[in-house]
Amino acid sequence: GGVAVIAPPGRYRFTELEEGALFDEFKQLGGTTIEVVTGSHSPDQFGEYAEKARRYGFRASRGTDFHAPGEARVDFSALPPLPSNLTPVWKDWF
């Protein structure tokens, strides 16, 4: 019942071509979700991965990489919500 999520894609050191190949194959193999908002992404990357989620038809997740106060670049409560025009991975869970 789990969902495979590429998380957080901005931490991987791929060229644009390599990342596109990863997303294409992930989708071809049934992958549905990428992490968009996370403490590992910069604010610019929030927008970048929101656009990629829309382009590929992926659902979006919001994660923290939070392990302890002061350990992550951004505390969980400081992260913005997912953009409203994305479908969250948890849409059908409730």
C-alpha atoms as a PDB file:
ATOM      1  CA  GLY A   1       0.000   0.000   0.000  1.00  0.00           C
ATOM      2  CA  GLY A   2       3.012   2.314  -0.041  1.00  0.00           C
ATOM      3  CA  VAL A   3       3.733   4.994  -2.588  1.00  0.00           C
ATOM      4  CA  ALA A   4       7.151   5.382  -4.197  1.00  0.00           C
ATOM      5  CA  VAL A   5       8.308   8.998  -4.107  1.00  0.00           C
ATOM      6  CA  ILE A   6      11.445  10.549  -5.574  1.00  0.00           C
ATOM      7  CA  ALA A   7      12.527  12.552  -2.580  1.00  0.00           C
ATOM      8  CA  PRO A   8      14.084  15.076  -2.550  1.00  0.00           C
ATOM      9  CA  PRO A   9      15.007  15.295  -6.245  1.00  0.00           C
ATOM     10  CA  GLY A  10      16.951  18.546  -5.833  1.00  0.00           C
ATOM     11  CA  ARG A  11      19.619  16.827  -3.753  1.00  0.00           C
ATOM     12  CA  TYR A  12      20.700  14.586  -6.614  1.00  0.00           C
ATOM     13  CA  ARG A  13      23.508  15.874  -8.821  1.00  0.00           C
ATOM     14  CA  PHE A  14      21.965  15.153 -12.214  1.00  0.00           C
ATOM     15  CA  THR A  15      22.172  17.108 -15.409  1.00  0.00           C
ATOM     16  CA  GLU A  16      18.827  18.237 -16.783  1.00  0.00           C
ATOM     17  CA  LEU A  17      18.988  15.390 -19.309  1.00  0.00           C
ATOM     18  CA  GLU A  18      19.749  12.798 -16.604  1.00  0.00           C
ATOM     19  CA  GLU A  19      16.969  14.073 -14.365  1.00  0.00           C
ATOM     20  CA  GLY A  20      14.531  13.964 -17.277  1.00  0.00           C
ATOM     21  CA  ALA A  21      15.540  10.352 -17.978  1.00  0.00           C
ATOM     22  CA  LEU A  22      15.020   9.489 -14.294  1.00  0.00           C
ATOM     23  CA  PHE A  23      11.552  11.054 -14.243  1.00  0.00           C
ATOM     24  CA  ASP A  24      10.600   9.427 -17.569  1.00  0.00           C
ATOM     25  CA  GLU A  25      11.628   5.967 -16.396  1.00  0.00           C
ATOM     26  CA  PHE A  26      10.088   6.464 -12.946  1.00  0.00           C
ATOM     27  CA  LYS A  27       6.769   7.354 -14.578  1.00  0.00           C
ATOM     28  CA  GLN A  28       7.028   4.472 -17.076  1.00  0.00           C
ATOM     29  CA  LEU A  29       7.542   2.051 -14.184  1.00  0.00           C
ATOM     30  CA  GLY A  30       4.447   3.344 -12.385  1.00  0.00           C
ATOM     31  CA  GLY A  31       5.955   6.083 -10.206  1.00  0.00           C
ATOM     32  CA  THR A  32       3.459   8.801  -9.370  1.00  0.00           C
ATOM     33  CA  THR A  33       4.997  11.289  -6.950  1.00  0.00           C
ATOM     34  CA  ILE A  34       7.951  13.616  -6.449  1.00  0.00           C
ATOM     35  CA  GLU A  35       8.784  15.674  -3.402  1.00  0.00           C
ATOM     36  CA  VAL A  36       8.288  19.366  -4.136  1.00  0.00           C
ATOM     37  CA  VAL A  37       8.548  21.188  -0.821  1.00  0.00           C
ATOM     38  CA  THR A  38      11.243  20.000   1.569  1.00  0.00           C
ATOM     39  CA  GLY A  39      13.870  21.407   3.869  1.00  0.00           C
ATOM     40  CA  SER A  40      16.454  20.097   1.410  1.00  0.00           C
ATOM     41  CA  HIS A  41      15.210  22.347  -1.411  1.00  0.00           C
ATOM     42  CA  SER A  42      15.755  26.067  -1.778  1.00  0.00           C
ATOM     43  CA  PRO A  43      12.707  28.301  -2.333  1.00  0.00           C
ATOM     44  CA  ASP A  44      13.614  28.457  -6.037  1.00  0.00           C
ATOM     45  CA  GLN A  45      13.568  24.665  -6.172  1.00  0.00           C
ATOM     46  CA  PHE A  46      10.040  24.603  -4.716  1.00  0.00           C
ATOM     47  CA  GLY A  47       8.866  26.303  -7.922  1.00  0.00           C
ATOM     48  CA  GLU A  48      11.145  24.251 -10.150  1.00  0.00           C
ATOM     49  CA  TYR A  49       9.847  20.925  -8.854  1.00  0.00           C
ATOM     50  CA  ALA A  50       6.252  22.143  -8.766  1.00  0.00           C
ATOM     51  CA  GLU A  51       6.580  22.831 -12.491  1.00  0.00           C
ATOM     52  CA  LYS A  52       8.140  19.408 -13.094  1.00  0.00           C
ATOM     53  CA  ALA A  53       5.340  17.721 -11.134  1.00  0.00           C
ATOM     54  CA  ARG A  54       2.794  19.461 -13.376  1.00  0.00           C
ATOM     55  CA  ARG A  55       4.739  18.683 -16.559  1.00  0.00           C
ATOM     56  CA  TYR A  56       5.089  14.968 -15.784  1.00  0.00           C
ATOM     57  CA  GLY A  57       1.651  14.597 -14.196  1.00  0.00           C
ATOM     58  CA  PHE A  58       3.141  13.597 -10.842  1.00  0.00           C
ATOM     59  CA  ARG A  59       1.494  14.039  -7.502  1.00  0.00           C
ATOM     60  CA  ALA A  60       3.444  16.125  -5.030  1.00  0.00           C
ATOM     61  CA  SER A  61       4.719  15.466  -1.545  1.00  0.00           C
ATOM     62  CA  ARG A  62       5.926  17.806   1.172  1.00  0.00           C
ATOM     63  CA  GLY A  63       8.668  16.511   3.405  1.00  0.00           C
ATOM     64  CA  THR A  64      11.044  17.880   5.943  1.00  0.00           C
ATOM     65  CA  ASP A  65      14.171  15.798   6.327  1.00  0.00           C
ATOM     66  CA  PHE A  66      13.616  16.905   9.909  1.00  0.00           C
ATOM     67  CA  HIS A  67      15.470  14.867  12.511  1.00  0.00           C
ATOM     68  CA  ALA A  68      15.921  17.347  15.360  1.00  0.00           C
ATOM     69  CA  PRO A  69      15.533  21.074  16.039  1.00  0.00           C
ATOM     70  CA  GLY A  70      18.401  22.982  14.483  1.00  0.00           C
ATOM     71  CA  GLU A  71      19.627  20.028  12.399  1.00  0.00           C
ATOM     72  CA  ALA A  72      17.747  20.735   9.177  1.00  0.00           C
ATOM     73  CA  ARG A  73      18.309  23.804   7.009  1.00  0.00           C
ATOM     74  CA  VAL A  74      14.660  24.731   7.607  1.00  0.00           C
ATOM     75  CA  ASP A  75      12.455  23.636  10.492  1.00  0.00           C
ATOM     76  CA  PHE A  76       9.255  21.844   9.483  1.00  0.00           C
ATOM     77  CA  SER A  77       6.947  24.642  10.634  1.00  0.00           C
ATOM     78  CA  ALA A  78       8.777  27.170   8.434  1.00  0.00           C
ATOM     79  CA  LEU A  79       8.141  25.350   5.149  1.00  0.00           C
ATOM     80  CA  PRO A  80       5.389  26.634   2.853  1.00  0.00           C
ATOM     81  CA  PRO A  81       2.434  24.437   1.915  1.00  0.00           C
ATOM     82  CA  LEU A  82       2.334  22.696  -1.435  1.00  0.00           C
ATOM     83  CA  PRO A  83       1.205  24.950  -4.275  1.00  0.00           C
ATOM     84  CA  SER A  84      -2.576  24.711  -4.543  1.00  0.00           C
ATOM     85  CA  ASN A  85      -2.469  23.724  -8.221  1.00  0.00           C
ATOM     86  CA  LEU A  86      -0.681  20.427  -7.460  1.00  0.00           C
ATOM     87  CA  THR A  87      -2.323  17.174  -6.444  1.00  0.00           C
ATOM     88  CA  PRO A  88      -0.913  16.062  -3.098  1.00  0.00           C
ATOM     89  CA  VAL A  89       0.129  12.445  -2.718  1.00  0.00           C
ATOM     90  CA  TRP A  90      -2.290  12.114   0.213  1.00  0.00           C
ATOM     91  CA  LYS A  91      -5.360  13.265  -1.776  1.00  0.00           C
ATOM     92  CA  ASP A  92      -7.078   9.862  -1.702  1.00  0.00           C
ATOM     93  CA  TRP A  93      -5.911   8.720   1.739  1.00  0.00           C
ATOM     94  CA  PHE A  94      -8.692  10.276   3.788  1.00  0.00           C
END
